[in-house]
Structure formats: C-alpha cells, structure tokens
Amino acid sequence: MLQRTSCVDTINIKIASFSSTVQLGDSCIINGLSRAIAVQREADVFYGNEGNLSSYRVFSEPIPFLPINEPFSYSRQNPNPLIKVSKIDIIGISSSSLLHVGNSRHVSMEARVKHIRQLLPIQRKEEEVVEEQGQR
C-alpha cells in the first residue's frame, strides 16, 4: 500500500444515497455498483411488471475497457508523506459515487441508468386532419 497519510480537519456531507460510499482510511479494494430505471410519463399509469433489469440490454452488455498501450515514465518524490486538507464540503453524492480519504489499491465504479420517456399521443386538430385528407 502507498505510504501517504491523509488528514482532513472537517468533512460536511448533506446527503449520501443510492449505493454511495464515504470511506475514511485506507482500503485495498473498492467496488461501487448502481443500476436504475428512470421512467418519465405524462400520465400516471403503472403496469406492475416494470423494474425487471434483465429486460434491458444496457444492464448486461459488457463495458469495453480498452487497453492503454502508451509508454510512459515518471518520477515521484514525497519529501512530506502527508496530504492535508482543511475542509471538504459536499452537497450530495449519489448513484455509486465515492468520497474516499486515504490510500486505495484497486477502485472499480459502475453506474448504469436506463431512461424511458412515455409520452401521450399528440392530439391533432380537426383542421389538420381535413387538410391532410384533402391533399391525398
């Protein structure tokens, strides 16, 4: 594990929700996962069979992680192995988000959301229907 010390005087978080994590201290592995279906409707109609994630391909498709094939070199100097922050002020973290103060070895985060909009059919005026029929 990295040999750095993280020091935060004050952390103020209003909301942490939906699979979010507040991690204080070192961690070896962090896995965050959030899946959601967001349905927006003009009419309040509920069918009762909604919410089956396996019905939507977006939740089962593999995420393409492309390999990084670029060579790089770096030099690191840590004369003072202390990261010091006076204040962290957060309004909200949500949907598989993470606030982490400390060292991490492996972090994997994933959030998948399927947005569905169900709109009512457009009511056409009688004049438009008559004009269309006259053009045929």
N, C-alpha and C. Protein backbone atom coordinates (compact mmCIF):
# COMPACT_ATOMS: atom_id res chain seq x y z
N MET A 1 0.85 -1.18 0.00
CA MET A 1 0.00 0.00 0.00
C MET A 1 0.89 1.24 0.00
N LEU A 2 0.37 2.32 -0.53
CA LEU A 2 1.11 3.58 -0.56
C LEU A 2 1.39 4.06 0.85
N GLN A 3 2.48 4.77 1.02
CA GLN A 3 2.87 5.26 2.33
C GLN A 3 2.62 6.76 2.43
N ARG A 4 1.36 7.16 2.30
CA ARG A 4 0.98 8.57 2.46
C ARG A 4 -0.08 8.64 3.55
N THR A 5 -0.11 9.71 4.28
CA THR A 5 -1.12 9.93 5.31
C THR A 5 -2.03 11.06 4.86
N SER A 6 -3.33 10.83 4.92
CA SER A 6 -4.32 11.84 4.56
C SER A 6 -4.94 12.41 5.82
N CYS A 7 -4.98 13.72 5.90
CA CYS A 7 -5.52 14.39 7.08
C CYS A 7 -6.54 15.44 6.63
N VAL A 8 -7.78 15.31 7.09
CA VAL A 8 -8.84 16.26 6.78
C VAL A 8 -9.40 16.76 8.11
N ASP A 9 -9.40 18.08 8.28
CA ASP A 9 -9.90 18.64 9.53
C ASP A 9 -11.42 18.50 9.66
N THR A 10 -12.17 18.86 8.59
CA THR A 10 -13.64 18.86 8.64
C THR A 10 -14.21 18.30 7.34
N ILE A 11 -15.19 17.39 7.47
CA ILE A 11 -15.94 16.90 6.32
C ILE A 11 -17.42 17.16 6.60
N ASN A 12 -18.09 17.86 5.67
CA ASN A 12 -19.50 18.16 5.81
C ASN A 12 -20.22 17.60 4.58
N ILE A 13 -21.06 16.58 4.78
CA ILE A 13 -21.81 15.95 3.69
C ILE A 13 -23.29 16.07 4.02
N LYS A 14 -24.06 16.69 3.13
CA LYS A 14 -25.50 16.82 3.35
C LYS A 14 -26.23 15.50 3.08
N ILE A 15 -25.94 14.86 1.91
CA ILE A 15 -26.66 13.65 1.52
C ILE A 15 -25.69 12.65 0.89
N ALA A 16 -25.79 11.40 1.30
CA ALA A 16 -25.09 10.28 0.65
C ALA A 16 -26.14 9.20 0.42
N SER A 17 -26.43 8.89 -0.86
CA SER A 17 -27.53 7.97 -1.14
C SER A 17 -27.23 7.06 -2.31
N PHE A 18 -28.08 6.04 -2.49
CA PHE A 18 -28.09 5.11 -3.62
C PHE A 18 -26.72 4.50 -3.90
N SER A 19 -26.27 3.65 -3.03
CA SER A 19 -25.05 2.89 -3.20
C SER A 19 -23.79 3.75 -3.15
N SER A 20 -23.86 4.89 -2.51
CA SER A 20 -22.69 5.75 -2.35
C SER A 20 -21.90 5.32 -1.13
N THR A 21 -20.62 5.67 -1.13
CA THR A 21 -19.73 5.26 -0.05
C THR A 21 -18.94 6.45 0.45
N VAL A 22 -18.82 6.56 1.76
CA VAL A 22 -17.90 7.50 2.39
C VAL A 22 -16.87 6.64 3.10
N GLN A 23 -15.65 6.64 2.60
CA GLN A 23 -14.58 5.78 3.12
C GLN A 23 -13.51 6.66 3.74
N LEU A 24 -13.31 6.51 5.02
CA LEU A 24 -12.26 7.23 5.73
C LEU A 24 -11.21 6.21 6.15
N GLY A 25 -10.03 6.37 5.60
CA GLY A 25 -8.97 5.42 5.89
C GLY A 25 -8.58 4.65 4.64
N ASP A 26 -7.52 3.89 4.76
CA ASP A 26 -7.00 3.14 3.61
C ASP A 26 -7.92 1.98 3.27
N SER A 27 -7.87 1.59 1.99
CA SER A 27 -8.64 0.44 1.54
C SER A 27 -7.85 -0.29 0.47
N CYS A 28 -8.08 -1.56 0.37
CA CYS A 28 -7.40 -2.36 -0.64
C CYS A 28 -8.23 -2.41 -1.92
N ILE A 29 -9.53 -2.73 -1.78
CA ILE A 29 -10.41 -2.85 -2.94
C ILE A 29 -11.70 -2.09 -2.67
N ILE A 30 -12.14 -1.28 -3.64
CA ILE A 30 -13.42 -0.59 -3.57
C ILE A 30 -14.18 -0.93 -4.85
N ASN A 31 -15.38 -1.50 -4.70
CA ASN A 31 -16.26 -1.78 -5.83
C ASN A 31 -17.58 -1.06 -5.58
N GLY A 32 -17.97 -0.20 -6.51
CA GLY A 32 -19.25 0.50 -6.41
C GLY A 32 -20.11 0.15 -7.60
N LEU A 33 -21.39 -0.12 -7.37
CA LEU A 33 -22.29 -0.51 -8.46
C LEU A 33 -23.65 0.10 -8.21
N SER A 34 -24.22 0.73 -9.24
CA SER A 34 -25.56 1.27 -9.15
C SER A 34 -26.26 1.04 -10.47
N ARG A 35 -27.48 0.51 -10.41
CA ARG A 35 -28.29 0.30 -11.60
C ARG A 35 -29.67 0.86 -11.32
N ALA A 36 -30.22 1.59 -12.31
CA ALA A 36 -31.52 2.23 -12.10
C ALA A 36 -32.30 2.31 -13.40
N ILE A 37 -33.61 2.26 -13.27
CA ILE A 37 -34.51 2.52 -14.39
C ILE A 37 -35.27 3.80 -14.03
N ALA A 38 -35.23 4.79 -14.91
CA ALA A 38 -35.93 6.05 -14.70
C ALA A 38 -37.01 6.18 -15.77
N VAL A 39 -38.27 6.12 -15.34
CA VAL A 39 -39.39 6.21 -16.26
C VAL A 39 -40.11 7.53 -16.04
N GLN A 40 -40.26 8.28 -17.13
CA GLN A 40 -40.97 9.56 -17.08
C GLN A 40 -42.22 9.42 -17.94
N ARG A 41 -43.37 9.67 -17.34
CA ARG A 41 -44.64 9.52 -18.05
C ARG A 41 -45.47 10.79 -17.94
N GLU A 42 -46.24 11.05 -18.99
CA GLU A 42 -47.18 12.16 -18.94
C GLU A 42 -48.42 11.78 -18.14
N ALA A 43 -48.78 10.50 -18.14
CA ALA A 43 -49.95 10.03 -17.41
C ALA A 43 -49.50 9.08 -16.29
N ASP A 44 -50.20 9.11 -15.18
CA ASP A 44 -49.89 8.23 -14.06
C ASP A 44 -50.47 6.85 -14.31
N VAL A 45 -49.73 6.02 -15.03
CA VAL A 45 -50.16 4.66 -15.34
C VAL A 45 -49.05 3.72 -14.89
N PHE A 46 -49.40 2.71 -14.10
CA PHE A 46 -48.43 1.75 -13.62
C PHE A 46 -48.89 0.36 -14.03
N TYR A 47 -48.02 -0.38 -14.71
CA TYR A 47 -48.39 -1.68 -15.25
C TYR A 47 -48.09 -2.83 -14.30
N GLY A 48 -47.23 -2.65 -13.33
CA GLY A 48 -46.94 -3.68 -12.35
C GLY A 48 -45.79 -4.61 -12.72
N ASN A 49 -45.39 -4.65 -13.98
CA ASN A 49 -44.29 -5.54 -14.37
C ASN A 49 -43.03 -4.75 -14.70
N GLU A 50 -42.96 -3.53 -14.26
CA GLU A 50 -41.80 -2.70 -14.54
C GLU A 50 -40.70 -2.98 -13.53
N GLY A 51 -39.50 -2.65 -13.91
CA GLY A 51 -38.38 -2.79 -12.99
C GLY A 51 -37.56 -4.05 -13.17
N ASN A 52 -37.81 -4.82 -14.21
CA ASN A 52 -37.02 -6.01 -14.46
C ASN A 52 -35.77 -5.60 -15.25
N LEU A 53 -34.64 -5.51 -14.58
CA LEU A 53 -33.41 -5.02 -15.23
C LEU A 53 -32.95 -5.94 -16.36
N SER A 54 -33.22 -7.24 -16.25
CA SER A 54 -32.75 -8.16 -17.28
C SER A 54 -33.46 -7.94 -18.62
N SER A 55 -34.55 -7.19 -18.62
CA SER A 55 -35.26 -6.90 -19.87
C SER A 55 -34.51 -5.89 -20.73
N TYR A 56 -33.56 -5.20 -20.17
CA TYR A 56 -32.86 -4.13 -20.88
C TYR A 56 -31.39 -4.51 -21.09
N ARG A 57 -30.97 -4.44 -22.33
CA ARG A 57 -29.61 -4.85 -22.70
C ARG A 57 -28.54 -3.98 -22.04
N VAL A 58 -28.86 -2.73 -21.76
CA VAL A 58 -27.86 -1.82 -21.19
C VAL A 58 -27.29 -2.34 -19.87
N PHE A 59 -28.05 -3.17 -19.15
CA PHE A 59 -27.60 -3.67 -17.86
C PHE A 59 -26.74 -4.93 -17.97
N SER A 60 -26.76 -5.60 -19.13
CA SER A 60 -26.00 -6.83 -19.27
C SER A 60 -24.83 -6.73 -20.25
N GLU A 61 -24.80 -5.67 -21.06
CA GLU A 61 -23.69 -5.52 -22.01
C GLU A 61 -22.38 -5.30 -21.26
N PRO A 62 -21.31 -5.93 -21.72
CA PRO A 62 -20.02 -5.68 -21.06
C PRO A 62 -19.53 -4.28 -21.38
N ILE A 63 -18.85 -3.70 -20.43
CA ILE A 63 -18.28 -2.37 -20.64
C ILE A 63 -16.93 -2.56 -21.34
N PRO A 64 -16.74 -1.90 -22.48
CA PRO A 64 -15.48 -2.09 -23.20
C PRO A 64 -14.35 -1.29 -22.55
N PHE A 65 -13.43 -1.99 -21.93
CA PHE A 65 -12.25 -1.36 -21.36
C PHE A 65 -11.11 -1.54 -22.36
N LEU A 66 -10.74 -0.47 -23.01
CA LEU A 66 -9.68 -0.55 -24.00
C LEU A 66 -8.33 -0.53 -23.30
N PRO A 67 -7.41 -1.37 -23.73
CA PRO A 67 -6.09 -1.38 -23.09
C PRO A 67 -5.32 -0.09 -23.39
N ILE A 68 -4.53 0.34 -22.45
CA ILE A 68 -3.68 1.51 -22.62
C ILE A 68 -2.31 1.01 -23.05
N ASN A 69 -1.94 1.35 -24.28
CA ASN A 69 -0.68 0.86 -24.84
C ASN A 69 0.35 1.96 -25.03
N GLU A 70 0.22 3.03 -24.30
CA GLU A 70 1.15 4.15 -24.44
C GLU A 70 2.28 4.02 -23.41
N PRO A 71 3.52 4.11 -23.85
CA PRO A 71 4.61 4.06 -22.88
C PRO A 71 4.68 5.38 -22.10
N PHE A 72 5.04 5.30 -20.84
CA PHE A 72 5.20 6.50 -20.03
C PHE A 72 6.27 6.26 -18.97
N SER A 73 6.81 7.36 -18.51
CA SER A 73 7.77 7.29 -17.41
C SER A 73 7.47 8.44 -16.46
N TYR A 74 7.75 8.22 -15.20
CA TYR A 74 7.51 9.27 -14.22
C TYR A 74 8.49 9.14 -13.07
N SER A 75 8.59 10.25 -12.36
CA SER A 75 9.45 10.29 -11.19
C SER A 75 8.62 10.86 -10.04
N ARG A 76 8.73 10.27 -8.88
CA ARG A 76 7.93 10.70 -7.75
C ARG A 76 8.83 11.00 -6.57
N GLN A 77 8.55 12.13 -5.94
CA GLN A 77 9.27 12.50 -4.72
C GLN A 77 8.25 12.88 -3.67
N ASN A 78 8.29 12.25 -2.53
CA ASN A 78 7.38 12.55 -1.44
C ASN A 78 8.19 12.96 -0.21
N PRO A 79 8.71 14.18 -0.22
CA PRO A 79 9.51 14.59 0.94
C PRO A 79 8.68 14.66 2.22
N ASN A 80 7.39 14.99 2.07
CA ASN A 80 6.50 15.03 3.23
C ASN A 80 5.32 14.11 2.92
N PRO A 81 5.28 12.93 3.49
CA PRO A 81 4.22 11.97 3.14
C PRO A 81 2.88 12.28 3.81
N LEU A 82 2.46 13.56 3.76
CA LEU A 82 1.22 13.98 4.39
C LEU A 82 0.40 14.80 3.39
N ILE A 83 -0.84 14.39 3.15
CA ILE A 83 -1.78 15.18 2.35
C ILE A 83 -2.73 15.82 3.35
N LYS A 84 -2.72 17.16 3.41
CA LYS A 84 -3.51 17.88 4.42
C LYS A 84 -4.54 18.76 3.74
N VAL A 85 -5.81 18.59 4.16
CA VAL A 85 -6.93 19.38 3.64
C VAL A 85 -7.67 19.93 4.85
N SER A 86 -8.04 21.20 4.80
CA SER A 86 -8.71 21.78 5.96
C SER A 86 -10.20 21.45 5.98
N LYS A 87 -10.89 21.51 4.81
CA LYS A 87 -12.33 21.30 4.82
C LYS A 87 -12.81 20.71 3.50
N ILE A 88 -13.69 19.69 3.58
CA ILE A 88 -14.38 19.13 2.42
C ILE A 88 -15.87 19.38 2.65
N ASP A 89 -16.51 20.10 1.73
CA ASP A 89 -17.92 20.45 1.85
C ASP A 89 -18.66 19.90 0.64
N ILE A 90 -19.58 18.95 0.84
CA ILE A 90 -20.26 18.26 -0.25
C ILE A 90 -21.77 18.40 -0.07
N ILE A 91 -22.46 18.81 -1.15
CA ILE A 91 -23.92 18.89 -1.10
C ILE A 91 -24.53 17.49 -1.16
N GLY A 92 -24.06 16.65 -2.09
CA GLY A 92 -24.60 15.31 -2.17
C GLY A 92 -23.77 14.40 -3.05
N ILE A 93 -23.74 13.12 -2.69
CA ILE A 93 -23.13 12.10 -3.53
C ILE A 93 -24.18 11.01 -3.73
N SER A 94 -24.26 10.47 -4.96
CA SER A 94 -25.33 9.54 -5.27
C SER A 94 -24.92 8.59 -6.38
N SER A 95 -25.64 7.50 -6.50
CA SER A 95 -25.54 6.55 -7.61
C SER A 95 -24.13 6.00 -7.78
N SER A 96 -23.70 5.24 -6.82
CA SER A 96 -22.41 4.54 -6.87
C SER A 96 -21.22 5.49 -6.84
N SER A 97 -21.39 6.63 -6.19
CA SER A 97 -20.29 7.59 -6.04
C SER A 97 -19.48 7.28 -4.79
N LEU A 98 -18.32 7.88 -4.71
CA LEU A 98 -17.41 7.57 -3.62
C LEU A 98 -16.69 8.83 -3.15
N LEU A 99 -16.69 9.04 -1.85
CA LEU A 99 -15.78 10.01 -1.22
C LEU A 99 -14.80 9.16 -0.44
N HIS A 100 -13.54 9.23 -0.81
CA HIS A 100 -12.53 8.40 -0.17
C HIS A 100 -11.38 9.27 0.31
N VAL A 101 -11.08 9.19 1.57
CA VAL A 101 -9.95 9.89 2.15
C VAL A 101 -8.99 8.82 2.62
N GLY A 102 -7.90 8.65 1.91
CA GLY A 102 -6.93 7.62 2.24
C GLY A 102 -6.36 7.00 0.98
N ASN A 103 -5.61 5.94 1.16
CA ASN A 103 -4.97 5.24 0.04
C ASN A 103 -5.87 4.11 -0.45
N SER A 104 -5.80 3.83 -1.76
CA SER A 104 -6.54 2.72 -2.37
C SER A 104 -5.63 1.98 -3.32
N ARG A 105 -5.81 0.69 -3.39
CA ARG A 105 -5.05 -0.10 -4.34
C ARG A 105 -5.86 -0.31 -5.62
N HIS A 106 -7.11 -0.80 -5.51
CA HIS A 106 -7.95 -1.05 -6.68
C HIS A 106 -9.32 -0.41 -6.46
N VAL A 107 -9.78 0.38 -7.44
CA VAL A 107 -11.09 1.01 -7.38
C VAL A 107 -11.82 0.72 -8.68
N SER A 108 -13.05 0.23 -8.57
CA SER A 108 -13.89 -0.04 -9.73
C SER A 108 -15.29 0.50 -9.45
N MET A 109 -15.76 1.42 -10.28
CA MET A 109 -17.07 2.04 -10.08
C MET A 109 -17.88 1.89 -11.36
N GLU A 110 -19.18 1.61 -11.20
CA GLU A 110 -20.05 1.46 -12.36
C GLU A 110 -21.45 1.96 -12.02
N ALA A 111 -22.00 2.78 -12.89
CA ALA A 111 -23.39 3.25 -12.76
C ALA A 111 -24.05 3.12 -14.12
N ARG A 112 -25.17 2.43 -14.16
CA ARG A 112 -25.93 2.26 -15.41
C ARG A 112 -27.37 2.69 -15.15
N VAL A 113 -27.88 3.57 -16.02
CA VAL A 113 -29.23 4.09 -15.89
C VAL A 113 -29.93 3.98 -17.24
N LYS A 114 -31.12 3.40 -17.24
CA LYS A 114 -31.96 3.34 -18.44
C LYS A 114 -33.06 4.38 -18.27
N HIS A 115 -33.05 5.39 -19.16
CA HIS A 115 -34.07 6.45 -19.13
C HIS A 115 -35.15 6.11 -20.15
N ILE A 116 -36.40 6.13 -19.72
CA ILE A 116 -37.53 5.85 -20.60
C ILE A 116 -38.51 7.00 -20.47
N ARG A 117 -38.94 7.54 -21.61
CA ARG A 117 -39.96 8.59 -21.62
C ARG A 117 -41.17 8.06 -22.37
N GLN A 118 -42.31 8.03 -21.72
CA GLN A 118 -43.53 7.56 -22.34
C GLN A 118 -44.49 8.74 -22.43
N LEU A 119 -44.66 9.21 -23.67
CA LEU A 119 -45.48 10.39 -23.91
C LEU A 119 -46.82 9.98 -24.49
N LEU A 120 -47.83 10.77 -24.21
CA LEU A 120 -49.16 10.52 -24.77
C LEU A 120 -49.16 10.88 -26.25
N PRO A 121 -50.03 10.23 -27.04
CA PRO A 121 -50.11 10.59 -28.47
C PRO A 121 -50.52 12.05 -28.61
N ILE A 122 -50.01 12.69 -29.64
CA ILE A 122 -50.32 14.10 -29.88
C ILE A 122 -51.74 14.19 -30.41
N GLN A 123 -52.56 15.01 -29.77
CA GLN A 123 -53.93 15.24 -30.23
C GLN A 123 -53.88 16.23 -31.39
N ARG A 124 -54.33 15.77 -32.55
CA ARG A 124 -54.30 16.61 -33.74
C ARG A 124 -55.62 17.35 -33.87
N LYS A 125 -55.53 18.58 -34.33
CA LYS A 125 -56.72 19.40 -34.55
C LYS A 125 -57.48 18.87 -35.76
N GLU A 126 -58.81 19.06 -35.77
CA GLU A 126 -59.62 18.60 -36.89
C GLU A 126 -59.19 19.26 -38.20
N GLU A 127 -58.75 20.52 -38.14
CA GLU A 127 -58.33 21.24 -39.35
C GLU A 127 -57.15 20.54 -40.02
N GLU A 128 -56.18 20.04 -39.22
CA GLU A 128 -55.01 19.37 -39.77
C GLU A 128 -55.42 18.06 -40.45
N VAL A 129 -56.36 17.34 -39.86
CA VAL A 129 -56.82 16.07 -40.43
C VAL A 129 -57.51 16.32 -41.76
N VAL A 130 -58.37 17.34 -41.82
CA VAL A 130 -59.10 17.68 -43.03
C VAL A 130 -58.13 18.11 -44.12
N GLU A 131 -57.11 18.92 -43.79
CA GLU A 131 -56.12 19.36 -44.77
C GLU A 131 -55.35 18.18 -45.32
N GLU A 132 -54.96 17.23 -44.45
CA GLU A 132 -54.23 16.05 -44.92
C GLU A 132 -55.09 15.22 -45.86
N GLN A 133 -56.37 15.06 -45.54
CA GLN A 133 -57.25 14.26 -46.39
C GLN A 133 -57.45 14.94 -47.74
N GLY A 134 -57.48 16.26 -47.75
CA GLY A 134 -57.66 16.99 -48.98
C GLY A 134 -56.44 16.92 -49.88
N GLN A 135 -55.25 16.66 -49.32
CA GLN A 135 -54.03 16.60 -50.10
C GLN A 135 -53.83 15.26 -50.77
N ARG A 136 -54.59 14.26 -50.39
CA ARG A 136 -54.42 12.92 -50.95
C ARG A 136 -55.04 12.79 -52.29
